Amino acid sequence: MSSPNILLLTVDCLRYDHCGFNGYTKPTTPTLTELTQSSLVFDTAVATGPYTPESVPGFLAGLHGYNSAYYSDVDWTAIPNDAETLASHFRDAGWETIATISNPQLTTERNFDTGFDSFRNLRTEDTQTEIGNPPGSAGPLRERVSSVLYSFRDRIRSMENTTLSSALYALYRYQQLRTDWPTTRGKVVVDRLLDNLNTRDREQPFFAWTHLMDLHAPLHPDSIREGGLAWSDATARHLLTDAGRMANQHTPAYETMYDSALRHVDAQIARIIDYLQEEGVWDETILVVTADHGEALFERGVYGHQYHNMFDELLHVPFLIRTPNETAERFDAPFSLAWLHELLADLVNIDRGPFPAKSGRSSHLDDEDCAIVLSDSVSHRGHTVTARTACHKFVRHFGEPLYHEHQLASAVEPFNGEGVTYDLRADPAEHLPLDATESPANLRELAADVHVHPSEIPSLTGELDTETKARLEDLGYVE
């Protein structure tokens, strides 16, 4: 067989413990669950950071926050100029490289297009119909109404979760539903991905990457409805429920909405598999499915994903890889997404590339627990580093203390000072912080070795434009 195709499918905010193949009882992932019967599953896969711009450089370029770059502001992590990426490595080895994504963080200005022959970010393409909004939806009247509601947004966020504030928030989101919803639905992204694959050079294998946003708040009412797991199909109910999330009040119905949106994502993955089978290339394709990070669902009194939130509801992600020989096996040893370049190179029999992150393992297809997994988070508040093995997780924050100004407040307070240890065997939910000295010395030493001051991170030239900042703010990326 010639070199196989590689399709990397990442899902924003996908939690490990909400996938059916990991023991979740709701039918959220029937396609993926069936796929695991012929796939390699890594049960302790770990993201390099809790936030999209901190995690994507990890799996794309083997980078962490401490050796990445930033664009415009230290909070906006970027891939450094001239960095090796999966796309550049496979392009140089003979693969055609294609990306079809829609997260406004992942722009060409921040080098997320490095190595791709074709790179499309649907959130930065300046057409309403391209991103799945209704044709003619941005009329002058609606634009004026949207502008007025947009000006109320911050005030709505700061209001107590009353009937009035919830109604105002729902009205704001309803107007966006009619004009410009903050995310592009996965079905639109998959449509564009398949269009791009149809125009590929069929004499070359392809390396393709797509990234789905359906699980990123705010959840699109149509994705919730089409998932079929929510208690109601009414858009108004969905938007009013989301108001509770926005006010950071415990809203159990939001988790049901999340599960239903996940079922919709699973259906989009099925569409991709169907396409590959119809094209006759399914048995010539490696399919990787993972997440950039997970999502907090009020375990510690907060929703979403925040800088410096190093708990496993964000860092522990699902990871499965289906190869043409359909080998099925599950691995428990910790696996960093920053080592994806090693695993893929080994599977297609090419040399491993010059990526910064190296596991030290000769093979990832065993359960040898011999490497420390790093994750980190850098912002203007400092640098938080996590170093872990299968048994221990050490977390330490370097910089101005994380106290009440951080959304997690007391939950992250132990990260300050000398740091904190979690015994992952006895306390997998990480509710019982132990003294830093309970961690092996090599974890504490490695965290100290890699920590940086934010001022040491190199900067790319450029500034975020106003429209991009607004899009990021509407997705919760601006504090």
Protein backbone atom coordinates (compact mmCIF):
# COMPACT_ATOMS: atom_id res chain seq x y z
CA MET A 1 0.00 0.00 0.00
CA SER A 2 1.17 3.56 -0.74
CA SER A 3 1.40 6.15 2.02
CA PRO A 4 -1.95 6.46 3.82
CA ASN A 5 -4.04 9.60 4.05
CA ILE A 6 -4.26 11.24 7.47
CA LEU A 7 -7.35 13.07 8.70
CA LEU A 8 -6.99 14.91 12.01
CA LEU A 9 -10.39 15.79 13.44
CA THR A 10 -10.37 17.94 16.57
CA VAL A 11 -13.44 18.99 18.52
CA ASP A 12 -13.42 22.12 20.64
CA CYS A 13 -14.41 21.60 24.29
CA LEU A 14 -14.91 17.82 24.02
CA ARG A 15 -14.77 16.13 27.42
CA TYR A 16 -13.30 12.67 27.85
CA ASP A 17 -15.94 11.61 30.37
CA HIS A 18 -18.93 12.55 28.17
CA CYS A 19 -17.99 10.07 25.44
CA GLY A 20 -19.87 6.77 25.38
CA PHE A 21 -16.71 4.78 24.66
CA ASN A 22 -15.31 6.04 27.96
CA GLY A 23 -18.22 4.80 30.04
CA TYR A 24 -20.69 7.68 29.76
CA THR A 25 -24.22 6.32 29.99
CA LYS A 26 -26.00 8.74 27.65
CA PRO A 27 -25.87 7.90 23.91
CA THR A 28 -23.70 10.89 22.99
CA THR A 29 -21.20 9.20 20.67
CA PRO A 30 -22.58 6.12 18.89
CA THR A 31 -20.35 6.63 15.85
CA LEU A 32 -17.19 7.05 17.90
CA THR A 33 -18.11 4.19 20.20
CA GLU A 34 -18.44 1.86 17.24
CA LEU A 35 -15.20 3.23 15.80
CA THR A 36 -13.29 2.28 18.95
CA GLN A 37 -13.89 -1.37 18.08
CA SER A 38 -11.29 -0.95 15.33
CA SER A 39 -9.14 1.85 16.79
CA LEU A 40 -6.30 2.59 19.16
CA VAL A 41 -7.67 4.46 22.19
CA PHE A 42 -5.41 6.44 24.53
CA ASP A 43 -7.29 6.70 27.81
CA THR A 44 -4.94 9.19 29.44
CA ALA A 45 -4.39 11.68 26.63
CA VAL A 46 -3.52 15.14 27.92
CA ALA A 47 -3.85 18.52 26.21
CA THR A 48 -0.91 20.91 26.39
CA GLY A 49 -3.11 23.68 27.76
CA PRO A 50 -6.66 24.48 28.89
CA TYR A 51 -7.39 26.99 26.15
CA THR A 52 -7.47 26.73 22.34
CA PRO A 53 -4.44 28.93 21.54
CA GLU A 54 -2.44 27.06 24.18
CA SER A 55 -3.48 23.58 23.10
CA VAL A 56 -3.52 23.74 19.29
CA PRO A 57 0.21 24.62 19.05
CA GLY A 58 0.72 21.47 21.12
CA PHE A 59 -0.78 18.96 18.70
CA LEU A 60 0.08 20.93 15.55
CA ALA A 61 3.66 21.86 16.39
CA GLY A 62 4.78 20.03 19.55
CA LEU A 63 4.83 23.33 21.44
CA HIS A 64 3.87 24.46 24.92
CA GLY A 65 3.16 27.95 26.15
CA TYR A 66 6.70 28.45 27.39
CA ASN A 67 8.25 27.92 23.93
CA SER A 68 5.49 29.39 21.75
CA ALA A 69 5.06 33.00 20.64
CA TYR A 70 2.24 35.49 21.01
CA TYR A 71 0.41 37.90 18.73
CA SER A 72 -0.64 41.40 19.81
CA ASP A 73 -0.89 40.46 23.50
CA VAL A 74 0.78 37.80 25.64
CA ASP A 75 -2.66 36.23 26.18
CA TRP A 76 -2.92 35.43 22.44
CA THR A 77 -0.59 32.48 21.95
CA ALA A 78 0.74 31.87 18.43
CA ILE A 79 3.02 29.49 16.58
CA PRO A 80 6.51 31.02 16.16
CA ASN A 81 7.77 31.95 12.72
CA ASP A 82 9.55 29.07 10.95
CA ALA A 83 8.26 26.46 13.41
CA GLU A 84 7.84 22.91 12.18
CA THR A 85 4.21 21.75 12.13
CA LEU A 86 2.47 18.52 11.30
CA ALA A 87 1.42 20.12 8.01
CA SER A 88 4.93 21.22 7.03
CA HIS A 89 6.40 17.87 8.05
CA PHE A 90 3.94 15.85 6.01
CA ARG A 91 3.99 18.27 3.08
CA ASP A 92 7.75 17.89 2.86
CA ALA A 93 7.30 14.11 2.96
CA GLY A 94 4.90 14.11 0.00
CA TRP A 95 1.42 14.68 1.45
CA GLU A 96 -0.99 17.34 0.19
CA THR A 97 -1.99 19.38 3.23
CA ILE A 98 -5.49 20.79 3.74
CA ALA A 99 -7.12 22.63 6.67
CA THR A 100 -10.79 23.56 7.02
CA ILE A 101 -11.58 25.13 10.39
CA SER A 102 -13.68 27.89 11.94
CA ASN A 103 -12.20 29.06 15.25
CA PRO A 104 -11.31 32.79 15.10
CA GLN A 105 -8.27 32.13 17.29
CA LEU A 106 -6.63 30.01 14.59
CA THR A 107 -5.61 32.64 12.07
CA THR A 108 -2.89 32.99 9.48
CA GLU A 109 -1.53 36.02 11.36
CA ARG A 110 -0.75 33.69 14.24
CA ASN A 111 0.85 31.10 11.92
CA PHE A 112 -1.76 28.37 12.32
CA ASP A 113 -1.64 27.97 8.53
CA THR A 114 2.05 27.01 8.55
CA GLY A 115 2.67 24.13 6.16
CA PHE A 116 -0.82 23.91 4.68
CA ASP A 117 -1.23 23.96 0.91
CA SER A 118 -4.85 24.97 1.47
CA PHE A 119 -5.99 26.73 4.65
CA ARG A 120 -9.56 27.93 5.17
CA ASN A 121 -10.87 29.48 8.38
CA LEU A 122 -14.57 30.06 7.80
CA ARG A 123 -14.80 32.59 10.65
CA THR A 124 -12.31 34.89 8.98
CA GLU A 125 -13.80 34.66 5.50
CA ASP A 126 -15.86 37.78 4.95
CA THR A 127 -19.16 36.32 3.73
CA GLN A 128 -22.34 35.72 5.67
CA THR A 129 -23.43 32.67 3.68
CA GLU A 130 -19.97 31.08 4.02
CA ILE A 131 -20.34 30.74 7.76
CA GLY A 132 -23.83 29.34 7.63
CA ASN A 133 -25.91 32.41 8.47
CA PRO A 134 -29.24 32.98 6.74
CA PRO A 135 -28.92 34.74 3.35
CA GLY A 136 -29.89 38.37 3.67
CA SER A 137 -29.78 38.10 7.45
CA ALA A 138 -27.66 41.18 8.03
CA GLY A 139 -30.06 43.87 6.87
CA PRO A 140 -29.66 47.48 8.08
CA LEU A 141 -32.44 47.24 10.68
CA ARG A 142 -31.13 44.00 12.11
CA GLU A 143 -27.60 45.40 12.15
CA ARG A 144 -28.81 48.40 14.18
CA VAL A 145 -30.75 46.19 16.59
CA SER A 146 -27.78 43.88 16.95
CA SER A 147 -25.50 46.83 17.64
CA VAL A 148 -27.78 48.06 20.42
CA LEU A 149 -28.01 44.60 21.99
CA TYR A 150 -24.26 44.14 21.67
CA SER A 151 -23.74 47.32 23.71
CA PHE A 152 -25.87 45.80 26.48
CA ARG A 153 -23.93 42.56 26.57
CA ASP A 154 -21.41 43.41 29.26
CA ARG A 155 -24.13 44.88 31.42
CA ILE A 156 -26.21 41.73 30.95
CA ARG A 157 -23.21 39.63 31.99
CA SER A 158 -22.72 41.60 35.19
CA MET A 159 -26.39 41.54 36.18
CA GLU A 160 -27.77 39.03 38.65
CA ASN A 161 -29.51 36.13 36.94
CA THR A 162 -33.02 37.56 37.15
CA THR A 163 -35.89 37.00 34.78
CA LEU A 164 -35.13 40.35 33.15
CA SER A 165 -31.42 39.71 32.67
CA SER A 166 -32.12 36.22 31.30
CA ALA A 167 -34.66 37.61 28.86
CA LEU A 168 -32.25 40.32 27.69
CA TYR A 169 -29.51 37.76 27.21
CA ALA A 170 -31.82 35.43 25.29
CA LEU A 171 -32.89 38.34 23.08
CA TYR A 172 -29.25 39.17 22.38
CA ARG A 173 -28.49 35.59 21.38
CA TYR A 174 -31.69 35.32 19.33
CA GLN A 175 -30.62 38.35 17.33
CA GLN A 176 -27.26 36.70 16.72
CA LEU A 177 -29.08 33.56 15.61
CA ARG A 178 -30.70 35.68 12.91
CA THR A 179 -27.53 37.52 11.89
CA ASP A 180 -24.14 36.21 12.96
CA TRP A 181 -23.93 33.40 15.52
CA PRO A 182 -20.51 33.35 17.26
CA THR A 183 -19.60 29.88 15.97
CA THR A 184 -19.90 28.11 12.63
CA ARG A 185 -21.91 24.92 12.82
CA GLY A 186 -20.06 21.67 12.29
CA LYS A 187 -22.27 20.63 9.40
CA VAL A 188 -21.11 23.73 7.48
CA VAL A 189 -17.45 23.05 8.31
CA VAL A 190 -17.80 19.43 7.20
CA ASP A 191 -19.49 20.55 3.97
CA ARG A 192 -16.50 22.77 3.19
CA LEU A 193 -14.02 20.09 4.22
CA LEU A 194 -15.58 17.58 1.84
CA ASP A 195 -15.61 20.20 -0.93
CA ASN A 196 -11.90 20.74 -0.36
CA LEU A 197 -11.17 17.02 -0.35
CA ASN A 198 -13.05 16.68 -3.64
CA THR A 199 -10.57 19.08 -5.29
CA ARG A 200 -7.46 17.39 -3.90
CA ASP A 201 -4.69 15.92 -6.03
CA ARG A 202 -5.70 12.26 -6.11
CA GLU A 203 -2.17 11.23 -7.04
CA GLN A 204 -0.96 12.28 -3.58
CA PRO A 205 -1.94 11.17 -0.11
CA PHE A 206 -3.52 13.95 1.92
CA PHE A 207 -3.03 15.26 5.43
CA ALA A 208 -6.22 17.11 6.38
CA TRP A 209 -7.22 18.89 9.57
CA THR A 210 -10.67 20.04 10.57
CA HIS A 211 -11.86 21.53 13.84
CA LEU A 212 -15.51 21.53 14.96
CA MET A 213 -16.94 24.18 17.28
CA ASP A 214 -20.43 22.86 18.13
CA LEU A 215 -19.55 22.21 21.80
CA HIS A 216 -18.17 25.71 22.36
CA ALA A 217 -20.51 28.02 24.21
CA PRO A 218 -22.88 29.44 23.24
CA LEU A 219 -24.32 26.18 21.92
CA HIS A 220 -26.28 26.62 18.69
CA PRO A 221 -29.98 25.77 19.25
CA ASP A 222 -30.12 23.83 15.98
CA SER A 223 -27.20 21.62 17.03
CA ILE A 224 -28.94 20.95 20.36
CA ARG A 225 -32.22 20.18 18.61
CA GLU A 226 -30.69 17.92 15.97
CA GLY A 227 -28.77 15.98 18.62
CA GLY A 228 -32.09 14.81 20.02
CA LEU A 229 -31.00 14.45 23.66
CA ALA A 230 -32.30 17.72 25.11
CA TRP A 231 -35.47 17.95 27.20
CA SER A 232 -36.92 20.57 24.84
CA ASP A 233 -36.63 21.56 21.18
CA ALA A 234 -37.65 25.15 21.86
CA THR A 235 -35.00 27.73 20.94
CA ALA A 236 -36.22 30.08 23.67
CA ARG A 237 -35.68 27.40 26.32
CA HIS A 238 -32.15 26.78 25.07
CA LEU A 239 -31.26 30.47 25.12
CA LEU A 240 -32.77 31.06 28.56
CA THR A 241 -30.89 28.04 29.92
CA ASP A 242 -27.68 29.42 28.46
CA ALA A 243 -28.31 32.63 30.39
CA GLY A 244 -27.68 30.65 33.57
CA ARG A 245 -24.33 29.48 32.24
CA MET A 246 -23.46 33.04 31.26
CA ALA A 247 -24.31 34.24 34.78
CA ASN A 248 -22.13 31.39 36.13
CA GLN A 249 -24.99 29.84 38.06
CA HIS A 250 -25.39 26.09 38.30
CA THR A 251 -27.71 25.10 35.45
CA PRO A 252 -28.00 21.29 35.14
CA ALA A 253 -30.05 21.60 31.95
CA TYR A 254 -27.01 23.13 30.26
CA GLU A 255 -25.14 19.83 30.59
CA THR A 256 -28.02 18.08 28.82
CA MET A 257 -27.77 20.65 26.03
CA TYR A 258 -24.03 19.98 25.82
CA ASP A 259 -24.67 16.23 25.49
CA SER A 260 -27.21 16.80 22.74
CA ALA A 261 -24.78 19.03 20.83
CA LEU A 262 -22.17 16.28 21.22
CA ARG A 263 -24.56 13.78 19.64
CA HIS A 264 -24.83 16.22 16.71
CA VAL A 265 -21.02 16.38 16.46
CA ASP A 266 -20.93 12.59 16.40
CA ALA A 267 -23.30 12.66 13.42
CA GLN A 268 -20.94 15.02 11.57
CA ILE A 269 -18.07 12.60 12.20
CA ALA A 270 -20.25 9.86 10.69
CA ARG A 271 -20.65 12.01 7.57
CA ILE A 272 -16.88 12.23 7.19
CA ILE A 273 -16.50 8.47 7.56
CA ASP A 274 -19.30 7.89 5.03
CA TYR A 275 -17.54 10.19 2.56
CA LEU A 276 -14.22 8.37 2.92
CA GLN A 277 -15.96 5.04 2.41
CA GLU A 278 -17.86 6.28 -0.65
CA GLU A 279 -14.63 7.64 -2.10
CA GLY A 280 -13.01 4.25 -1.65
CA VAL A 281 -10.22 5.64 0.56
CA TRP A 282 -11.43 4.59 4.02
CA ASP A 283 -9.06 1.64 4.03
CA GLU A 284 -6.21 3.96 3.03
CA THR A 285 -6.82 6.58 5.71
CA ILE A 286 -5.67 7.13 9.28
CA LEU A 287 -8.39 8.96 11.23
CA VAL A 288 -7.43 10.76 14.44
CA VAL A 289 -10.19 12.12 16.70
CA THR A 290 -9.37 14.21 19.75
CA ALA A 291 -10.11 17.55 21.44
CA ASP A 292 -8.12 20.72 21.88
CA HIS A 293 -9.28 20.72 25.52
CA GLY A 294 -12.31 19.79 27.60
CA GLU A 295 -14.92 22.00 29.24
CA ALA A 296 -15.77 22.86 32.84
CA LEU A 297 -19.40 22.11 33.65
CA PHE A 298 -19.57 23.70 37.10
CA GLU A 299 -17.53 21.04 38.92
CA ARG A 300 -15.70 23.86 40.72
CA GLY A 301 -18.32 26.57 40.40
CA VAL A 302 -17.45 27.68 36.88
CA TYR A 303 -18.35 26.95 33.26
CA GLY A 304 -16.07 27.10 30.24
CA HIS A 305 -12.30 26.99 29.96
CA GLN A 306 -10.01 29.54 31.56
CA TYR A 307 -6.34 30.44 31.58
CA HIS A 308 -4.53 28.66 34.44
CA ASN A 309 -7.39 26.16 34.96
CA MET A 310 -5.25 23.03 35.06
CA PHE A 311 -7.84 20.55 36.28
CA ASP A 312 -8.55 17.43 34.27
CA GLU A 313 -12.04 18.38 33.14
CA LEU A 314 -10.03 20.58 30.76
CA LEU A 315 -6.71 18.76 30.29
CA HIS A 316 -7.85 15.12 30.03
CA VAL A 317 -9.17 14.65 26.49
CA PRO A 318 -10.47 11.75 24.38
CA PHE A 319 -8.03 10.42 21.81
CA LEU A 320 -8.57 7.63 19.32
CA ILE A 321 -6.79 6.75 16.12
CA ARG A 322 -8.17 4.38 13.51
CA THR A 323 -5.58 2.91 11.15
CA PRO A 324 -6.18 0.97 7.91
CA ASN A 325 -5.31 -2.33 9.59
CA GLU A 326 -8.04 -1.60 12.17
CA THR A 327 -6.00 -2.66 15.17
CA ALA A 328 -8.06 -2.25 18.36
CA GLU A 329 -6.27 -1.64 21.66
CA ARG A 330 -6.53 0.70 24.64
CA PHE A 331 -3.54 2.28 26.38
CA ASP A 332 -3.48 3.68 29.92
CA ALA A 333 -0.06 5.35 29.95
CA PRO A 334 -0.22 9.17 29.88
CA PHE A 335 0.08 10.54 26.34
CA SER A 336 0.67 14.20 25.55
CA LEU A 337 -0.99 15.63 22.44
CA ALA A 338 2.40 17.29 21.87
CA TRP A 339 3.67 13.82 20.94
CA LEU A 340 1.14 13.34 18.15
CA HIS A 341 3.88 14.07 15.62
CA GLU A 342 5.84 11.06 16.88
CA LEU A 343 2.89 8.69 16.77
CA LEU A 344 1.85 9.69 13.24
CA ALA A 345 5.40 9.56 11.88
CA ASP A 346 5.82 6.07 13.30
CA LEU A 347 2.51 4.88 11.85
CA VAL A 348 3.35 6.03 8.31
CA ASN A 349 7.01 4.98 8.52
CA ILE A 350 8.69 8.35 8.07
CA ASP A 351 11.33 9.96 10.26
CA ARG A 352 10.20 11.85 13.32
CA GLY A 353 10.52 15.59 12.76
CA PRO A 354 12.42 18.31 14.64
CA PHE A 355 9.59 19.16 17.01
CA PRO A 356 10.33 20.63 20.46
CA ALA A 357 8.27 18.09 22.42
CA LYS A 358 9.90 14.67 22.59
CA SER A 359 8.60 11.79 24.67
CA GLY A 360 11.77 9.73 24.83
CA ARG A 361 9.71 6.67 23.90
CA SER A 362 10.68 4.43 21.01
CA SER A 363 7.01 3.52 20.55
CA HIS A 364 3.68 4.82 21.83
CA LEU A 365 1.97 1.50 21.16
CA ASP A 366 2.69 0.07 24.58
CA ASP A 367 1.79 1.01 28.13
CA GLU A 368 5.28 1.93 29.24
CA ASP A 369 4.92 4.86 31.64
CA CYS A 370 8.35 6.40 31.24
CA ALA A 371 7.74 10.01 30.24
CA ILE A 372 6.51 13.07 32.10
CA VAL A 373 3.58 14.86 30.49
CA LEU A 374 3.68 18.66 30.59
CA SER A 375 0.82 21.14 30.24
CA ASP A 376 1.02 24.87 30.84
CA SER A 377 -0.80 28.18 30.63
CA VAL A 378 0.72 31.62 30.10
CA SER A 379 -1.04 34.96 30.45
CA HIS A 380 -0.35 38.41 31.82
CA ARG A 381 -0.90 36.86 35.27
CA GLY A 382 2.07 34.55 34.94
CA HIS A 383 2.83 30.95 34.04
CA THR A 384 1.16 27.84 35.44
CA VAL A 385 2.89 24.51 34.81
CA THR A 386 1.57 20.97 35.27
CA ALA A 387 3.89 17.95 35.27
CA ARG A 388 2.37 14.50 35.62
CA THR A 389 2.87 10.77 35.57
CA ALA A 390 0.19 8.09 35.81
CA CYS A 391 0.13 8.47 39.61
CA HIS A 392 0.99 12.06 40.44
CA LYS A 393 0.12 15.49 39.09
CA PHE A 394 2.10 18.52 40.22
CA VAL A 395 0.77 22.03 39.53
CA ARG A 396 2.59 25.28 40.25
CA HIS A 397 1.85 28.86 39.31
CA PHE A 398 4.73 31.29 38.81
CA GLY A 399 3.78 34.97 38.82
CA GLU A 400 1.22 37.17 40.48
CA PRO A 401 -0.92 35.03 42.77
CA LEU A 402 -4.14 33.54 41.44
CA TYR A 403 -6.77 34.64 43.93
CA HIS A 404 -10.23 36.13 43.78
CA GLU A 405 -9.71 37.92 40.46
CA HIS A 406 -9.47 34.51 38.80
CA GLN A 407 -12.83 32.94 37.99
CA LEU A 408 -11.94 29.76 39.87
CA ALA A 409 -10.94 31.71 42.98
CA SER A 410 -10.18 29.31 45.84
CA ALA A 411 -9.86 26.26 43.57
CA VAL A 412 -6.65 27.55 41.99
CA GLU A 413 -5.24 29.18 45.13
CA PRO A 414 -3.16 26.07 46.02
CA PHE A 415 -1.31 26.47 42.70
CA ASN A 416 0.47 29.53 44.14
CA GLY A 417 3.71 29.42 46.10
CA GLU A 418 5.45 26.05 45.98
CA GLY A 419 2.55 24.41 44.17
CA VAL A 420 0.31 21.45 44.89
CA THR A 421 0.15 17.70 44.31
CA TYR A 422 -2.81 15.51 43.34
CA ASP A 423 -2.74 11.76 43.83
CA LEU A 424 -4.46 10.69 40.61
CA ARG A 425 -5.02 7.13 41.80
CA ALA A 426 -6.66 7.99 45.11
CA ASP A 427 -8.19 11.32 44.05
CA PRO A 428 -8.89 11.30 40.29
CA ALA A 429 -11.38 14.19 40.63
CA GLU A 430 -8.63 16.39 42.15
CA HIS A 431 -10.54 17.57 45.19
CA LEU A 432 -7.88 16.73 47.79
CA PRO A 433 -4.77 18.88 47.21
CA LEU A 434 -1.62 17.59 48.87
CA ASP A 435 1.60 19.33 49.75
CA ALA A 436 3.97 19.96 46.84
CA THR A 437 6.53 17.64 48.39
CA GLU A 438 4.16 14.71 47.85
CA SER A 439 5.11 14.86 44.16
CA PRO A 440 8.28 13.14 42.95
CA ALA A 441 11.20 15.56 42.84
CA ASN A 442 11.60 15.21 39.08
CA LEU A 443 8.11 16.64 38.50
CA ARG A 444 8.82 19.67 40.68
CA GLU A 445 12.21 20.19 39.08
CA LEU A 446 10.87 20.01 35.53
CA ALA A 447 8.13 22.53 36.29
CA ALA A 448 10.73 24.93 37.67
CA ASP A 449 13.03 24.36 34.69
CA VAL A 450 10.46 25.24 32.02
CA HIS A 451 8.74 28.17 33.69
CA VAL A 452 9.07 31.55 32.00
CA HIS A 453 8.08 35.12 32.71
CA PRO A 454 5.46 36.30 30.18
CA SER A 455 7.87 39.04 29.06
CA GLU A 456 10.25 36.32 27.82
CA ILE A 457 7.75 34.99 25.25
CA PRO A 458 8.65 36.26 21.75
CA SER A 459 6.12 38.43 19.96
CA LEU A 460 4.93 38.28 16.36
CA THR A 461 4.38 41.56 14.54
CA GLY A 462 0.77 42.69 14.29
CA GLU A 463 -2.37 43.63 16.18
CA LEU A 464 -5.77 41.96 16.45
CA ASP A 465 -8.36 43.90 14.47
CA THR A 466 -11.55 45.13 16.12
CA GLU A 467 -13.81 42.56 14.45
CA THR A 468 -11.63 39.64 15.52
CA LYS A 469 -11.49 40.94 19.08
CA ALA A 470 -15.29 41.18 19.11
CA ARG A 471 -15.64 37.60 17.86
CA LEU A 472 -13.21 36.34 20.50
CA GLU A 473 -14.98 38.27 23.23
CA ASP A 474 -18.31 36.79 22.23
CA LEU A 475 -16.81 33.31 22.63
CA GLY A 476 -15.50 34.17 26.10
CA TYR A 477 -11.86 34.54 25.07
CA VAL A 478 -11.56 38.06 26.50
CA GLU A 479 -11.76 38.39 30.26
